[in-house]
Amino acid sequence: MEFAGKTALVTGSGAIGGLGHTTAGVLAAGGADLILTGTDPERGARVVEDLRAAGGAATGAVRFVAADLTDPSAVQQLAEDAGAVDILINNASVMTFGPTTEQDLAGHDAAFAVNVRAPFLLTALLAPKMAANGGGSIVNVSSTAAGLGMPGMAVYGATKAAVESLTRTWAAEFAPSNVRVNAVAPGPMHTSKVVAAMGPDMGGMGLTTALKRTADPTEVAHVVAFLAGDRASYMTGAVVAADGGRTAI
């Protein structure tokens, strides 16, 4: 199995129905040991149970660590609790919607703390451990909002643009240590978080894509897993669009 003998830390994986949960399932099916994170231990326990029930991960190969990624000390503790990992998926994200003139400072700061500062700290702390073990793979989750002017998504888009810039810089910094860093930029995706924020039809965003539909999280999770694995061994610094052709038209 592709990920047998490897340990993956997936942030933002503590709730069923999100990209983190789905990505964890794909990695588990490939044999990875998993460290899941989120803010709610009860919801996290349900994700662990779901993955074990699916048979993708052996008993004891998946655990949940509660962490508030808005708190730098909690991020540092998460890195310590995780130990040496082979794969880091920076997926946790705060989504903000609304006009710039109505954006409150607390929401702005929370988005940058989770979407930018937390991946920065985790990468800085875990990439050297990967290097010491011969290498590893980091996959950052971006968004088409990073490159498109989308009303109401100024703050969210700015955080994701920062993530894409960091992806390129980290690829250059860590390549000599055999640590690859890539990003995936999903388009409209039918996750529980987005549906809760935008409604079942997601504001018609699926119709803005070439394929005229939203993505199931599994479709994006397989792209994330590909970049995380050895089949993408010659890829680093790439931002891969998994957006149904949204940025192509």
Protein backbone atom coordinates (compact mmCIF):
# COMPACT_ATOMS: atom_id res chain seq x y z
CA MET A 1 0.00 0.00 0.00
CA GLU A 2 1.30 3.42 -0.98
CA PHE A 3 1.40 4.98 2.49
CA ALA A 4 2.28 1.93 4.57
CA GLY A 5 4.82 2.76 7.24
CA LYS A 6 4.17 6.51 6.94
CA THR A 7 2.55 8.84 9.45
CA ALA A 8 0.39 11.73 8.27
CA LEU A 9 -0.79 14.75 10.24
CA VAL A 10 -3.99 16.19 8.75
CA THR A 11 -5.15 19.47 10.23
CA GLY A 12 -8.81 20.43 10.09
CA SER A 13 -9.81 16.77 10.09
CA GLY A 14 -11.91 16.72 13.23
CA ALA A 15 -15.38 16.74 11.69
CA ILE A 16 -17.19 14.31 9.42
CA GLY A 17 -18.05 15.65 5.99
CA GLY A 18 -15.06 17.90 5.41
CA LEU A 19 -12.04 17.67 3.12
CA GLY A 20 -9.77 16.81 6.06
CA HIS A 21 -11.93 13.85 7.06
CA THR A 22 -12.12 12.65 3.47
CA THR A 23 -8.39 13.07 2.85
CA ALA A 24 -7.66 11.15 6.04
CA GLY A 25 -9.80 8.33 4.72
CA VAL A 26 -7.88 8.16 1.45
CA LEU A 27 -4.53 8.16 3.26
CA ALA A 28 -5.76 5.51 5.70
CA ALA A 29 -6.91 3.30 2.84
CA GLY A 30 -3.34 3.54 1.55
CA GLY A 31 -1.97 2.29 4.86
CA ALA A 32 -0.97 5.53 6.58
CA ASP A 33 -0.98 6.01 10.33
CA LEU A 34 -3.00 9.14 11.05
CA ILE A 35 -2.93 12.06 13.44
CA LEU A 36 -6.15 14.05 13.16
CA THR A 37 -6.75 17.51 14.59
CA GLY A 38 -9.69 19.73 15.37
CA THR A 39 -11.12 21.77 18.23
CA ASP A 40 -13.88 19.42 19.42
CA PRO A 41 -12.79 16.11 21.01
CA GLU A 42 -16.27 14.59 20.71
CA ARG A 43 -16.49 15.25 17.00
CA GLY A 44 -12.90 14.10 16.62
CA ALA A 45 -13.74 10.82 18.32
CA ARG A 46 -16.55 10.28 15.81
CA VAL A 47 -14.11 10.79 12.94
CA VAL A 48 -11.72 8.25 14.45
CA GLU A 49 -14.57 5.76 14.83
CA ASP A 50 -15.69 6.40 11.25
CA LEU A 51 -12.23 5.74 9.83
CA ARG A 52 -11.76 2.58 11.84
CA ALA A 53 -15.22 1.34 10.87
CA ALA A 54 -14.34 1.88 7.22
CA GLY A 55 -11.47 -0.55 7.62
CA GLY A 56 -8.94 1.78 6.05
CA ALA A 57 -6.78 2.08 9.13
CA ALA A 58 -5.67 -0.57 11.55
CA THR A 59 -6.79 -0.27 15.15
CA GLY A 60 -4.45 2.09 16.95
CA ALA A 61 -3.15 3.63 13.71
CA VAL A 62 -5.38 6.68 13.98
CA ARG A 63 -5.60 9.17 16.81
CA PHE A 64 -7.11 12.57 17.43
CA VAL A 65 -5.33 15.53 19.03
CA ALA A 66 -7.45 18.53 20.02
CA ALA A 67 -5.78 21.81 19.06
CA ASP A 68 -6.91 25.42 18.75
CA LEU A 69 -4.87 26.62 15.79
CA THR A 70 -5.59 30.28 16.58
CA ASP A 71 -3.23 29.86 19.56
CA PRO A 72 0.48 29.69 18.61
CA SER A 73 1.35 27.76 21.77
CA ALA A 74 -1.30 25.16 20.90
CA VAL A 75 0.19 24.81 17.41
CA GLN A 76 3.62 24.25 18.92
CA GLN A 77 2.18 21.67 21.30
CA LEU A 78 0.50 19.91 18.39
CA ALA A 79 3.84 19.65 16.62
CA GLU A 80 5.38 18.16 19.75
CA ASP A 81 2.50 15.70 20.21
CA ALA A 82 2.71 14.65 16.56
CA GLY A 83 6.42 13.90 16.76
CA ALA A 84 8.14 12.91 13.52
CA VAL A 85 5.69 12.73 10.61
CA ASP A 86 6.25 11.86 6.98
CA ILE A 87 3.29 13.81 5.59
CA LEU A 88 1.76 17.11 6.68
CA ILE A 89 -1.56 18.20 5.21
CA ASN A 90 -2.22 21.86 6.08
CA ASN A 91 -5.98 21.75 5.57
CA ALA A 92 -7.50 23.61 8.55
CA SER A 93 -9.18 26.80 7.45
CA VAL A 94 -11.39 29.61 8.66
CA MET A 95 -13.79 30.80 5.97
CA THR A 96 -14.95 34.40 6.02
CA PHE A 97 -17.72 35.74 3.80
CA GLY A 98 -18.83 39.34 3.49
CA PRO A 99 -17.92 42.71 1.99
CA THR A 100 -14.62 44.25 2.96
CA THR A 101 -16.42 47.21 4.51
CA GLU A 102 -18.26 44.88 6.87
CA GLN A 103 -15.35 42.60 7.80
CA ASP A 104 -14.70 42.66 11.54
CA LEU A 105 -11.14 42.61 12.81
CA ALA A 106 -11.64 39.50 14.93
CA GLY A 107 -12.72 37.46 11.90
CA HIS A 108 -9.85 38.86 9.85
CA ASP A 109 -7.28 37.93 12.50
CA ALA A 110 -8.74 34.46 13.10
CA ALA A 111 -8.58 33.68 9.37
CA PHE A 112 -4.93 34.69 9.10
CA ALA A 113 -4.07 32.87 12.33
CA VAL A 114 -5.49 29.53 11.19
CA ASN A 115 -5.01 29.76 7.44
CA VAL A 116 -1.50 31.25 7.36
CA ARG A 117 0.24 31.37 10.74
CA ALA A 118 -0.63 27.81 11.79
CA PRO A 119 0.69 26.21 8.56
CA PHE A 120 3.77 28.42 8.84
CA LEU A 121 4.52 27.24 12.37
CA LEU A 122 3.76 23.58 11.68
CA THR A 123 5.94 23.57 8.59
CA ALA A 124 8.79 25.31 10.41
CA LEU A 125 8.59 22.78 13.24
CA LEU A 126 7.96 19.57 11.31
CA ALA A 127 9.92 19.98 8.07
CA PRO A 128 13.29 19.68 9.87
CA LYS A 129 12.10 16.41 11.45
CA MET A 130 11.12 15.15 8.00
CA ALA A 131 14.54 16.14 6.69
CA ALA A 132 16.27 14.30 9.53
CA ASN A 133 14.37 11.14 8.54
CA GLY A 134 15.30 11.38 4.88
CA GLY A 135 12.49 13.53 3.52
CA GLY A 136 8.76 14.03 3.48
CA SER A 137 5.82 15.70 1.82
CA ILE A 138 3.78 18.77 2.74
CA VAL A 139 0.51 19.59 0.99
CA ASN A 140 -1.17 22.93 1.59
CA VAL A 141 -4.86 23.38 0.81
CA SER A 142 -5.46 26.63 -1.05
CA SER A 143 -8.53 27.76 -3.00
CA THR A 144 -9.45 29.25 -6.35
CA ALA A 145 -10.22 32.36 -4.28
CA ALA A 146 -6.44 32.92 -4.11
CA GLY A 147 -6.32 33.92 -7.77
CA LEU A 148 -9.82 35.13 -8.58
CA GLY A 149 -11.49 38.37 -7.53
CA MET A 150 -14.54 37.07 -5.70
CA PRO A 151 -16.75 39.63 -3.94
CA GLY A 152 -17.17 38.83 -0.27
CA MET A 153 -14.02 36.73 -0.08
CA ALA A 154 -11.32 39.38 0.30
CA VAL A 155 -9.89 38.06 3.55
CA TYR A 156 -10.23 34.37 2.72
CA GLY A 157 -8.71 34.88 -0.73
CA ALA A 158 -5.81 36.84 0.74
CA THR A 159 -5.00 34.04 3.19
CA LYS A 160 -5.00 31.48 0.41
CA ALA A 161 -2.82 33.67 -1.81
CA ALA A 162 -0.36 33.77 1.09
CA VAL A 163 -0.47 29.97 1.34
CA GLU A 164 0.38 29.64 -2.35
CA SER A 165 3.31 32.03 -1.97
CA LEU A 166 4.56 30.07 1.03
CA THR A 167 4.24 26.85 -0.98
CA ARG A 168 6.67 28.11 -3.59
CA THR A 169 9.12 29.49 -1.06
CA TRP A 170 9.07 26.35 1.07
CA ALA A 171 9.61 24.21 -2.02
CA ALA A 172 12.81 26.16 -2.68
CA GLU A 173 13.92 26.10 0.95
CA PHE A 174 13.33 22.43 1.69
CA ALA A 175 14.15 20.76 -1.64
CA PRO A 176 17.79 20.16 -0.62
CA SER A 177 16.43 18.16 2.35
CA ASN A 178 14.13 16.04 0.14
CA VAL A 179 11.00 17.63 1.60
CA ARG A 180 8.49 18.37 -1.15
CA VAL A 181 5.89 21.12 -0.75
CA ASN A 182 2.86 21.46 -3.01
CA ALA A 183 -0.64 22.90 -2.84
CA VAL A 184 -4.09 21.97 -4.07
CA ALA A 185 -6.56 24.70 -5.00
CA PRO A 186 -10.12 23.35 -4.86
CA GLY A 187 -13.04 25.08 -6.51
CA PRO A 188 -16.62 24.92 -5.24
CA MET A 189 -16.72 21.86 -3.00
CA HIS A 190 -19.74 20.31 -1.31
CA THR A 191 -18.40 20.11 2.26
CA SER A 192 -20.44 20.34 5.42
CA LYS A 193 -18.79 23.65 6.36
CA VAL A 194 -19.49 25.36 3.04
CA VAL A 195 -23.06 24.07 2.84
CA ALA A 196 -23.68 25.37 6.35
CA ALA A 197 -22.35 28.80 5.37
CA MET A 198 -23.85 29.14 1.87
CA GLY A 199 -26.81 26.76 1.68
CA PRO A 200 -27.37 23.47 -0.18
CA ASP A 201 -26.90 25.01 -3.64
CA MET A 202 -23.77 26.89 -2.48
CA GLY A 203 -25.01 30.06 -4.11
CA GLY A 204 -24.89 28.48 -7.55
CA MET A 205 -21.09 28.41 -7.47
CA GLY A 206 -20.98 25.05 -9.20
CA LEU A 207 -22.38 26.66 -12.34
CA THR A 208 -19.30 28.91 -12.56
CA THR A 209 -17.11 25.89 -13.38
CA ALA A 210 -16.54 24.28 -16.77
CA LEU A 211 -18.07 21.06 -15.45
CA LYS A 212 -21.14 22.95 -14.16
CA ARG A 213 -21.18 21.30 -10.76
CA THR A 214 -19.60 21.34 -7.33
CA ALA A 215 -17.01 18.79 -6.29
CA ASP A 216 -17.48 15.94 -3.88
CA PRO A 217 -14.69 16.20 -1.27
CA THR A 218 -13.43 12.77 -2.31
CA GLU A 219 -12.53 14.11 -5.76
CA VAL A 220 -10.23 16.70 -4.20
CA ALA A 221 -8.93 14.35 -1.50
CA HIS A 222 -7.49 12.04 -4.14
CA VAL A 223 -5.52 14.96 -5.61
CA VAL A 224 -4.20 15.84 -2.15
CA ALA A 225 -3.20 12.22 -1.55
CA PHE A 226 -1.46 12.00 -4.94
CA LEU A 227 0.73 15.00 -4.10
CA ALA A 228 1.45 13.53 -0.67
CA GLY A 229 2.65 10.23 -2.09
CA ASP A 230 5.69 8.98 -3.95
CA ARG A 231 3.90 8.98 -7.31
CA ALA A 232 4.39 12.77 -7.23
CA SER A 233 8.09 12.44 -6.36
CA TYR A 234 9.16 14.95 -9.05
CA MET A 235 6.63 17.58 -8.03
CA THR A 236 7.40 20.42 -5.65
CA GLY A 237 6.31 24.05 -5.62
CA ALA A 238 3.22 23.25 -7.68
CA VAL A 239 -0.28 24.60 -7.11
CA VAL A 240 -2.67 22.08 -8.62
CA ALA A 241 -6.17 23.25 -9.47
CA ALA A 242 -8.91 20.76 -8.60
CA ASP A 243 -11.66 23.14 -9.53
CA GLY A 244 -13.77 21.65 -12.30
CA GLY A 245 -12.18 24.05 -14.78
CA ARG A 246 -13.17 27.18 -12.81
CA THR A 247 -9.85 28.92 -13.43
CA ALA A 248 -9.66 27.78 -17.07
CA ILE A 249 -12.73 29.66 -18.31
